[in-house]
Amino acid sequence: MRKISPLALAALLALAGPAWAQSVKAIVTKVDQVAGKVTLDHERIPKLDMDAMTMAYKVKDPAMLKDLKSGDKVDFEVDEADGQYTVTKIRKAK
């Protein structure tokens, strides 16, 4: 059996991206620019063991909300820290 060198393994892992980065499909139901929040009707989020639901999330950067409106289909990524869920990436679905 052929072994993979540590350098090759490190390169593969770097190219694969973070294992926790998981895009989730959702529909925007509300955008609150002032509060920096977006309400999403989303599918199940396995990495957070969260069922599909509608929930308001704080966004990492309020500028992420400028082109969003209710009814938009999006793909997003969310992280949890200290019991707070924050959308770190959001983009309109293709």
PDB file of N, CA and C in Angstrom:
ATOM      1  N   MET A   1       0.849  -1.177   0.000  1.00  0.00           N
ATOM      2  CA  MET A   1       0.000   0.000   0.000  1.00  0.00           C
ATOM      3  C   MET A   1       0.895   1.242   0.000  1.00  0.00           C
ATOM      4  N   ARG A   2       0.489   2.238  -0.748  1.00  0.00           N
ATOM      5  CA  ARG A   2       1.268   3.470  -0.858  1.00  0.00           C
ATOM      6  C   ARG A   2       0.837   4.450   0.229  1.00  0.00           C
ATOM      7  N   LYS A   3       1.797   5.069   0.891  1.00  0.00           N
ATOM      8  CA  LYS A   3       1.502   6.036   1.946  1.00  0.00           C
ATOM      9  C   LYS A   3       1.470   7.445   1.372  1.00  0.00           C
ATOM     10  N   ILE A   4       0.642   8.284   1.968  1.00  0.00           N
ATOM     11  CA  ILE A   4       0.563   9.692   1.573  1.00  0.00           C
ATOM     12  C   ILE A   4       1.510  10.482   2.463  1.00  0.00           C
ATOM     13  N   SER A   5       2.306  11.339   1.850  1.00  0.00           N
ATOM     14  CA  SER A   5       3.240  12.137   2.640  1.00  0.00           C
ATOM     15  C   SER A   5       2.469  13.166   3.461  1.00  0.00           C
ATOM     16  N   PRO A   6       3.006  13.552   4.604  1.00  0.00           N
ATOM     17  CA  PRO A   6       2.335  14.561   5.434  1.00  0.00           C
ATOM     18  C   PRO A   6       2.086  15.873   4.688  1.00  0.00           C
ATOM     19  N   LEU A   7       3.005  16.259   3.808  1.00  0.00           N
ATOM     20  CA  LEU A   7       2.843  17.495   3.047  1.00  0.00           C
ATOM     21  C   LEU A   7       1.668  17.382   2.076  1.00  0.00           C
ATOM     22  N   ALA A   8       1.553  16.254   1.395  1.00  0.00           N
ATOM     23  CA  ALA A   8       0.438  16.042   0.465  1.00  0.00           C
ATOM     24  C   ALA A   8      -0.885  16.018   1.217  1.00  0.00           C
ATOM     25  N   LEU A   9      -0.904  15.386   2.375  1.00  0.00           N
ATOM     26  CA  LEU A   9      -2.119  15.332   3.184  1.00  0.00           C
ATOM     27  C   LEU A   9      -2.531  16.730   3.636  1.00  0.00           C
ATOM     28  N   ALA A  10      -1.573  17.528   4.070  1.00  0.00           N
ATOM     29  CA  ALA A  10      -1.873  18.898   4.495  1.00  0.00           C
ATOM     30  C   ALA A  10      -2.440  19.714   3.338  1.00  0.00           C
ATOM     31  N   ALA A  11      -1.881  19.547   2.153  1.00  0.00           N
ATOM     32  CA  ALA A  11      -2.371  20.279   0.978  1.00  0.00           C
ATOM     33  C   ALA A  11      -3.798  19.863   0.641  1.00  0.00           C
ATOM     34  N   LEU A  12      -4.086  18.576   0.692  1.00  0.00           N
ATOM     35  CA  LEU A  12      -5.441  18.093   0.413  1.00  0.00           C
ATOM     36  C   LEU A  12      -6.445  18.644   1.419  1.00  0.00           C
ATOM     37  N   LEU A  13      -6.078  18.643   2.684  1.00  0.00           N
ATOM     38  CA  LEU A  13      -6.977  19.159   3.715  1.00  0.00           C
ATOM     39  C   LEU A  13      -7.218  20.654   3.551  1.00  0.00           C
ATOM     40  N   ALA A  14      -6.194  21.387   3.178  1.00  0.00           N
ATOM     41  CA  ALA A  14      -6.347  22.832   2.982  1.00  0.00           C
ATOM     42  C   ALA A  14      -7.273  23.126   1.810  1.00  0.00           C
ATOM     43  N   LEU A  15      -7.162  22.358   0.749  1.00  0.00           N
ATOM     44  CA  LEU A  15      -8.004  22.566  -0.426  1.00  0.00           C
ATOM     45  C   LEU A  15      -9.444  22.138  -0.194  1.00  0.00           C
ATOM     46  N   ALA A  16      -9.646  21.195   0.688  1.00  0.00           N
ATOM     47  CA  ALA A  16     -10.996  20.688   0.940  1.00  0.00           C
ATOM     48  C   ALA A  16     -11.850  21.710   1.667  1.00  0.00           C
ATOM     49  N   GLY A  17     -11.242  22.657   2.344  1.00  0.00           N
ATOM     50  CA  GLY A  17     -12.002  23.647   3.101  1.00  0.00           C
ATOM     51  C   GLY A  17     -12.372  23.083   4.454  1.00  0.00           C
ATOM     52  N   PRO A  18     -12.866  23.948   5.329  1.00  0.00           N
ATOM     53  CA  PRO A  18     -13.213  23.494   6.668  1.00  0.00           C
ATOM     54  C   PRO A  18     -14.328  22.451   6.620  1.00  0.00           C
ATOM     55  N   ALA A  19     -14.182  21.415   7.419  1.00  0.00           N
ATOM     56  CA  ALA A  19     -15.204  20.367   7.456  1.00  0.00           C
ATOM     57  C   ALA A  19     -16.519  20.909   8.001  1.00  0.00           C
ATOM     58  N   TRP A  20     -16.469  21.940   8.820  1.00  0.00           N
ATOM     59  CA  TRP A  20     -17.681  22.477   9.438  1.00  0.00           C
ATOM     60  C   TRP A  20     -18.444  23.398   8.504  1.00  0.00           C
ATOM     61  N   ALA A  21     -17.805  23.854   7.420  1.00  0.00           N
ATOM     62  CA  ALA A  21     -18.486  24.765   6.491  1.00  0.00           C
ATOM     63  C   ALA A  21     -19.523  23.970   5.716  1.00  0.00           C
ATOM     64  N   GLN A  22     -20.769  24.255   5.983  1.00  0.00           N
ATOM     65  CA  GLN A  22     -21.850  23.492   5.373  1.00  0.00           C
ATOM     66  C   GLN A  22     -22.942  24.458   4.954  1.00  0.00           C
ATOM     67  N   SER A  23     -23.154  24.559   3.660  1.00  0.00           N
ATOM     68  CA  SER A  23     -24.165  25.465   3.137  1.00  0.00           C
ATOM     69  C   SER A  23     -25.552  24.870   3.353  1.00  0.00           C
ATOM     70  N   VAL A  24     -26.495  25.726   3.739  1.00  0.00           N
ATOM     71  CA  VAL A  24     -27.872  25.314   4.025  1.00  0.00           C
ATOM     72  C   VAL A  24     -28.804  26.128   3.136  1.00  0.00           C
ATOM     73  N   LYS A  25     -29.828  25.482   2.597  1.00  0.00           N
ATOM     74  CA  LYS A  25     -30.812  26.168   1.752  1.00  0.00           C
ATOM     75  C   LYS A  25     -31.908  26.768   2.624  1.00  0.00           C
ATOM     76  N   ALA A  26     -32.392  27.959   2.205  1.00  0.00           N
ATOM     77  CA  ALA A  26     -33.427  28.642   2.975  1.00  0.00           C
ATOM     78  C   ALA A  26     -34.176  29.627   2.091  1.00  0.00           C
ATOM     79  N   ILE A  27     -35.280  30.117   2.624  1.00  0.00           N
ATOM     80  CA  ILE A  27     -36.035  31.204   2.004  1.00  0.00           C
ATOM     81  C   ILE A  27     -36.071  32.345   3.012  1.00  0.00           C
ATOM     82  N   VAL A  28     -35.726  33.539   2.558  1.00  0.00           N
ATOM     83  CA  VAL A  28     -35.753  34.722   3.418  1.00  0.00           C
ATOM     84  C   VAL A  28     -37.209  35.087   3.687  1.00  0.00           C
ATOM     85  N   THR A  29     -37.562  35.250   4.966  1.00  0.00           N
ATOM     86  CA  THR A  29     -38.922  35.676   5.304  1.00  0.00           C
ATOM     87  C   THR A  29     -38.958  37.105   5.834  1.00  0.00           C
ATOM     88  N   LYS A  30     -37.795  37.598   6.317  1.00  0.00           N
ATOM     89  CA  LYS A  30     -37.737  38.977   6.823  1.00  0.00           C
ATOM     90  C   LYS A  30     -36.286  39.433   6.862  1.00  0.00           C
ATOM     91  N   VAL A  31     -36.074  40.704   6.553  1.00  0.00           N
ATOM     92  CA  VAL A  31     -34.751  41.316   6.651  1.00  0.00           C
ATOM     93  C   VAL A  31     -34.876  42.531   7.555  1.00  0.00           C
ATOM     94  N   ASP A  32     -34.059  42.579   8.610  1.00  0.00           N
ATOM     95  CA  ASP A  32     -34.053  43.710   9.539  1.00  0.00           C
ATOM     96  C   ASP A  32     -32.663  44.342   9.499  1.00  0.00           C
ATOM     97  N   GLN A  33     -32.506  45.331   8.612  1.00  0.00           N
ATOM     98  CA  GLN A  33     -31.210  46.000   8.433  1.00  0.00           C
ATOM     99  C   GLN A  33     -30.733  46.655   9.729  1.00  0.00           C
ATOM    100  N   VAL A  34     -31.658  47.303  10.439  1.00  0.00           N
ATOM    101  CA  VAL A  34     -31.287  48.045  11.651  1.00  0.00           C
ATOM    102  C   VAL A  34     -30.715  47.115  12.718  1.00  0.00           C
ATOM    103  N   ALA A  35     -31.378  45.980  12.930  1.00  0.00           N
ATOM    104  CA  ALA A  35     -30.925  45.031  13.951  1.00  0.00           C
ATOM    105  C   ALA A  35     -29.815  44.111  13.444  1.00  0.00           C
ATOM    106  N   GLY A  36     -29.565  44.119  12.125  1.00  0.00           N
ATOM    107  CA  GLY A  36     -28.553  43.230  11.563  1.00  0.00           C
ATOM    108  C   GLY A  36     -28.971  41.774  11.632  1.00  0.00           C
ATOM    109  N   LYS A  37     -30.281  41.533  11.365  1.00  0.00           N
ATOM    110  CA  LYS A  37     -30.813  40.168  11.444  1.00  0.00           C
ATOM    111  C   LYS A  37     -31.574  39.804  10.179  1.00  0.00           C
ATOM    112  N   VAL A  38     -31.600  38.509   9.912  1.00  0.00           N
ATOM    113  CA  VAL A  38     -32.378  37.970   8.801  1.00  0.00           C
ATOM    114  C   VAL A  38     -33.158  36.769   9.337  1.00  0.00           C
ATOM    115  N   THR A  39     -34.432  36.690   8.965  1.00  0.00           N
ATOM    116  CA  THR A  39     -35.249  35.542   9.353  1.00  0.00           C
ATOM    117  C   THR A  39     -35.299  34.596   8.169  1.00  0.00           C
ATOM    118  N   LEU A  40     -34.972  33.335   8.437  1.00  0.00           N
ATOM    119  CA  LEU A  40     -34.861  32.330   7.388  1.00  0.00           C
ATOM    120  C   LEU A  40     -35.732  31.120   7.695  1.00  0.00           C
ATOM    121  N   ASP A  41     -36.430  30.649   6.678  1.00  0.00           N
ATOM    122  CA  ASP A  41     -37.156  29.381   6.743  1.00  0.00           C
ATOM    123  C   ASP A  41     -36.200  28.375   6.114  1.00  0.00           C
ATOM    124  N   HIS A  42     -35.483  27.622   6.954  1.00  0.00           N
ATOM    125  CA  HIS A  42     -34.372  26.808   6.462  1.00  0.00           C
ATOM    126  C   HIS A  42     -34.590  25.313   6.644  1.00  0.00           C
ATOM    127  N   GLU A  43     -33.796  24.571   5.873  1.00  0.00           N
ATOM    128  CA  GLU A  43     -33.793  23.116   5.997  1.00  0.00           C
ATOM    129  C   GLU A  43     -32.998  22.721   7.241  1.00  0.00           C
ATOM    130  N   ARG A  44     -32.951  21.435   7.515  1.00  0.00           N
ATOM    131  CA  ARG A  44     -32.214  20.925   8.670  1.00  0.00           C
ATOM    132  C   ARG A  44     -30.740  21.329   8.574  1.00  0.00           C
ATOM    133  N   ILE A  45     -30.149  21.652   9.732  1.00  0.00           N
ATOM    134  CA  ILE A  45     -28.729  22.010   9.792  1.00  0.00           C
ATOM    135  C   ILE A  45     -28.017  20.913  10.585  1.00  0.00           C
ATOM    136  N   PRO A  46     -27.485  19.901   9.888  1.00  0.00           N
ATOM    137  CA  PRO A  46     -26.881  18.755  10.577  1.00  0.00           C
ATOM    138  C   PRO A  46     -25.736  19.120  11.523  1.00  0.00           C
ATOM    139  N   LYS A  47     -24.867  20.039  11.119  1.00  0.00           N
ATOM    140  CA  LYS A  47     -23.694  20.337  11.971  1.00  0.00           C
ATOM    141  C   LYS A  47     -24.092  20.941  13.311  1.00  0.00           C
ATOM    142  N   LEU A  48     -25.276  21.552  13.386  1.00  0.00           N
ATOM    143  CA  LEU A  48     -25.769  22.114  14.643  1.00  0.00           C
ATOM    144  C   LEU A  48     -26.845  21.230  15.269  1.00  0.00           C
ATOM    145  N   ASP A  49     -27.132  20.097  14.623  1.00  0.00           N
ATOM    146  CA  ASP A  49     -28.198  19.196  15.057  1.00  0.00           C
ATOM    147  C   ASP A  49     -29.504  19.978  15.248  1.00  0.00           C
ATOM    148  N   MET A  50     -29.810  20.836  14.261  1.00  0.00           N
ATOM    149  CA  MET A  50     -30.992  21.701  14.313  1.00  0.00           C
ATOM    150  C   MET A  50     -31.978  21.266  13.235  1.00  0.00           C
ATOM    151  N   ASP A  51     -33.227  21.069  13.645  1.00  0.00           N
ATOM    152  CA  ASP A  51     -34.270  20.700  12.691  1.00  0.00           C
ATOM    153  C   ASP A  51     -34.598  21.869  11.776  1.00  0.00           C
ATOM    154  N   ALA A  52     -35.289  21.562  10.685  1.00  0.00           N
ATOM    155  CA  ALA A  52     -35.781  22.609   9.784  1.00  0.00           C
ATOM    156  C   ALA A  52     -36.747  23.493  10.567  1.00  0.00           C
ATOM    157  N   MET A  53     -36.652  24.801  10.371  1.00  0.00           N
ATOM    158  CA  MET A  53     -37.512  25.744  11.091  1.00  0.00           C
ATOM    159  C   MET A  53     -37.381  27.134  10.493  1.00  0.00           C
ATOM    160  N   THR A  54     -38.177  28.048  11.004  1.00  0.00           N
ATOM    161  CA  THR A  54     -38.044  29.466  10.666  1.00  0.00           C
ATOM    162  C   THR A  54     -37.456  30.147  11.891  1.00  0.00           C
ATOM    163  N   MET A  55     -36.362  30.889  11.687  1.00  0.00           N
ATOM    164  CA  MET A  55     -35.648  31.486  12.820  1.00  0.00           C
ATOM    165  C   MET A  55     -34.937  32.758  12.378  1.00  0.00           C
ATOM    166  N   ALA A  56     -34.864  33.725  13.280  1.00  0.00           N
ATOM    167  CA  ALA A  56     -34.118  34.965  13.032  1.00  0.00           C
ATOM    168  C   ALA A  56     -32.669  34.753  13.460  1.00  0.00           C
ATOM    169  N   TYR A  57     -31.758  35.165  12.608  1.00  0.00           N
ATOM    170  CA  TYR A  57     -30.329  35.040  12.881  1.00  0.00           C
ATOM    171  C   TYR A  57     -29.658  36.396  12.778  1.00  0.00           C
ATOM    172  N   LYS A  58     -28.703  36.629  13.664  1.00  0.00           N
ATOM    173  CA  LYS A  58     -27.825  37.786  13.539  1.00  0.00           C
ATOM    174  C   LYS A  58     -26.864  37.472  12.391  1.00  0.00           C
ATOM    175  N   VAL A  59     -26.448  38.499  11.655  1.00  0.00           N
ATOM    176  CA  VAL A  59     -25.475  38.292  10.584  1.00  0.00           C
ATOM    177  C   VAL A  59     -24.121  38.854  11.003  1.00  0.00           C
ATOM    178  N   LYS A  60     -23.065  38.230  10.526  1.00  0.00           N
ATOM    179  CA  LYS A  60     -21.698  38.642  10.861  1.00  0.00           C
ATOM    180  C   LYS A  60     -21.447  40.087  10.450  1.00  0.00           C
ATOM    181  N   ASP A  61     -21.961  40.452   9.265  1.00  0.00           N
ATOM    182  CA  ASP A  61     -21.774  41.804   8.735  1.00  0.00           C
ATOM    183  C   ASP A  61     -23.106  42.284   8.161  1.00  0.00           C
ATOM    184  N   PRO A  62     -23.703  43.345   8.716  1.00  0.00           N
ATOM    185  CA  PRO A  62     -24.995  43.835   8.221  1.00  0.00           C
ATOM    186  C   PRO A  62     -25.006  44.160   6.726  1.00  0.00           C
ATOM    187  N   ALA A  63     -23.852  44.419   6.132  1.00  0.00           N
ATOM    188  CA  ALA A  63     -23.784  44.688   4.690  1.00  0.00           C
ATOM    189  C   ALA A  63     -24.229  43.470   3.881  1.00  0.00           C
ATOM    190  N   MET A  64     -24.190  42.291   4.495  1.00  0.00           N
ATOM    191  CA  MET A  64     -24.626  41.067   3.824  1.00  0.00           C
ATOM    192  C   MET A  64     -26.113  41.116   3.482  1.00  0.00           C
ATOM    193  N   LEU A  65     -26.856  41.981   4.155  1.00  0.00           N
ATOM    194  CA  LEU A  65     -28.310  42.036   3.989  1.00  0.00           C
ATOM    195  C   LEU A  65     -28.768  42.975   2.883  1.00  0.00           C
ATOM    196  N   LYS A  66     -27.888  43.815   2.365  1.00  0.00           N
ATOM    197  CA  LYS A  66     -28.306  44.910   1.487  1.00  0.00           C
ATOM    198  C   LYS A  66     -29.063  44.472   0.237  1.00  0.00           C
ATOM    199  N   ASP A  67     -28.749  43.310  -0.326  1.00  0.00           N
ATOM    200  CA  ASP A  67     -29.410  42.870  -1.556  1.00  0.00           C
ATOM    201  C   ASP A  67     -30.471  41.797  -1.322  1.00  0.00           C
ATOM    202  N   LEU A  68     -30.792  41.525  -0.050  1.00  0.00           N
ATOM    203  CA  LEU A  68     -31.773  40.483   0.251  1.00  0.00           C
ATOM    204  C   LEU A  68     -33.149  41.074   0.504  1.00  0.00           C
ATOM    205  N   LYS A  69     -34.177  40.278   0.137  1.00  0.00           N
ATOM    206  CA  LYS A  69     -35.554  40.685   0.423  1.00  0.00           C
ATOM    207  C   LYS A  69     -36.369  39.435   0.720  1.00  0.00           C
ATOM    208  N   SER A  70     -37.511  39.626   1.335  1.00  0.00           N
ATOM    209  CA  SER A  70     -38.405  38.522   1.649  1.00  0.00           C
ATOM    210  C   SER A  70     -38.750  37.754   0.375  1.00  0.00           C
ATOM    211  N   GLY A  71     -38.686  36.438   0.453  1.00  0.00           N
ATOM    212  CA  GLY A  71     -38.984  35.590  -0.695  1.00  0.00           C
ATOM    213  C   GLY A  71     -37.759  35.099  -1.442  1.00  0.00           C
ATOM    214  N   ASP A  72     -36.594  35.711  -1.206  1.00  0.00           N
ATOM    215  CA  ASP A  72     -35.366  35.270  -1.875  1.00  0.00           C
ATOM    216  C   ASP A  72     -34.975  33.866  -1.411  1.00  0.00           C
ATOM    217  N   LYS A  73     -34.558  33.026  -2.358  1.00  0.00           N
ATOM    218  CA  LYS A  73     -33.993  31.723  -2.034  1.00  0.00           C
ATOM    219  C   LYS A  73     -32.497  31.923  -1.859  1.00  0.00           C
ATOM    220  N   VAL A  74     -31.961  31.396  -0.759  1.00  0.00           N
ATOM    221  CA  VAL A  74     -30.552  31.613  -0.439  1.00  0.00           C
ATOM    222  C   VAL A  74     -29.878  30.317   0.005  1.00  0.00           C
ATOM    223  N   ASP A  75     -28.554  30.351  -0.035  1.00  0.00           N
ATOM    224  CA  ASP A  75     -27.695  29.356   0.595  1.00  0.00           C
ATOM    225  C   ASP A  75     -26.938  30.130   1.665  1.00  0.00           C
ATOM    226  N   PHE A  76     -26.845  29.557   2.870  1.00  0.00           N
ATOM    227  CA  PHE A  76     -26.154  30.275   3.940  1.00  0.00           C
ATOM    228  C   PHE A  76     -25.358  29.321   4.802  1.00  0.00           C
ATOM    229  N   GLU A  77     -24.439  29.901   5.570  1.00  0.00           N
ATOM    230  CA  GLU A  77     -23.658  29.161   6.551  1.00  0.00           C
ATOM    231  C   GLU A  77     -23.841  29.853   7.886  1.00  0.00           C
ATOM    232  N   VAL A  78     -23.972  29.069   8.928  1.00  0.00           N
ATOM    233  CA  VAL A  78     -24.204  29.609  10.262  1.00  0.00           C
ATOM    234  C   VAL A  78     -23.267  28.917  11.246  1.00  0.00           C
ATOM    235  N   ASP A  79     -22.765  29.678  12.199  1.00  0.00           N
ATOM    236  CA  ASP A  79     -21.924  29.140  13.265  1.00  0.00           C
ATOM    237  C   ASP A  79     -22.561  29.444  14.604  1.00  0.00           C
ATOM    238  N   GLU A  80     -22.212  28.632  15.592  1.00  0.00           N
ATOM    239  CA  GLU A  80     -22.724  28.822  16.945  1.00  0.00           C
ATOM    240  C   GLU A  80     -21.548  29.076  17.874  1.00  0.00           C
ATOM    241  N   ALA A  81     -21.685  30.108  18.704  1.00  0.00           N
ATOM    242  CA  ALA A  81     -20.677  30.402  19.719  1.00  0.00           C
ATOM    243  C   ALA A  81     -21.389  30.959  20.943  1.00  0.00           C
ATOM    244  N   ASP A  82     -21.162  30.344  22.075  1.00  0.00           N
ATOM    245  CA  ASP A  82     -21.768  30.782  23.338  1.00  0.00           C
ATOM    246  C   ASP A  82     -23.288  30.863  23.247  1.00  0.00           C
ATOM    247  N   GLY A  83     -23.899  29.906  22.562  1.00  0.00           N
ATOM    248  CA  GLY A  83     -25.354  29.868  22.458  1.00  0.00           C
ATOM    249  C   GLY A  83     -25.949  30.836  21.454  1.00  0.00           C
ATOM    250  N   GLN A  84     -25.113  31.588  20.748  1.00  0.00           N
ATOM    251  CA  GLN A  84     -25.580  32.541  19.738  1.00  0.00           C
ATOM    252  C   GLN A  84     -25.310  31.966  18.350  1.00  0.00           C
ATOM    253  N   TYR A  85     -26.311  32.031  17.494  1.00  0.00           N
ATOM    254  CA  TYR A  85     -26.157  31.589  16.112  1.00  0.00           C
ATOM    255  C   TYR A  85     -25.957  32.816  15.230  1.00  0.00           C
ATOM    256  N   THR A  86     -24.923  32.780  14.399  1.00  0.00           N
ATOM    257  CA  THR A  86     -24.600  33.906  13.527  1.00  0.00           C
ATOM    258  C   THR A  86     -24.397  33.418  12.100  1.00  0.00           C
ATOM    259  N   VAL A  87     -25.070  34.076  11.156  1.00  0.00           N
ATOM    260  CA  VAL A  87     -24.878  33.771   9.742  1.00  0.00           C
ATOM    261  C   VAL A  87     -23.540  34.373   9.330  1.00  0.00           C
ATOM    262  N   THR A  88     -22.650  33.520   8.829  1.00  0.00           N
ATOM    263  CA  THR A  88     -21.321  33.976   8.430  1.00  0.00           C
ATOM    264  C   THR A  88     -21.210  34.198   6.925  1.00  0.00           C
ATOM    265  N   LYS A  89     -22.071  33.522   6.160  1.00  0.00           N
ATOM    266  CA  LYS A  89     -22.116  33.700   4.702  1.00  0.00           C
ATOM    267  C   LYS A  89     -23.556  33.535   4.261  1.00  0.00           C
ATOM    268  N   ILE A  90     -23.960  34.340   3.293  1.00  0.00           N
ATOM    269  CA  ILE A  90     -25.289  34.190   2.704  1.00  0.00           C
ATOM    270  C   ILE A  90     -25.224  34.701   1.273  1.00  0.00           C
ATOM    271  N   ARG A  91     -25.814  33.936   0.365  1.00  0.00           N
ATOM    272  CA  ARG A  91     -25.827  34.330  -1.048  1.00  0.00           C
ATOM    273  C   ARG A  91     -27.116  33.816  -1.673  1.00  0.00           C
ATOM    274  N   LYS A  92     -27.591  34.544  -2.669  1.00  0.00           N
ATOM    275  CA  LYS A  92     -28.796  34.116  -3.373  1.00  0.00           C
ATOM    276  C   LYS A  92     -28.510  32.796  -4.072  1.00  0.00           C
ATOM    277  N   ALA A  93     -29.473  31.888  -3.997  1.00  0.00           N
ATOM    278  CA  ALA A  93     -29.319  30.575  -4.629  1.00  0.00           C
ATOM    279  C   ALA A  93     -29.425  30.709  -6.136  1.00  0.00           C
ATOM    280  N   LYS A  94     -28.740  29.850  -6.834  1.00  0.00           N
ATOM    281  CA  LYS A  94     -28.765  29.877  -8.300  1.00  0.00           C
ATOM    282  C   LYS A  94     -29.843  28.965  -8.815  1.00  0.00           C
TER     283      LYS A  94
END
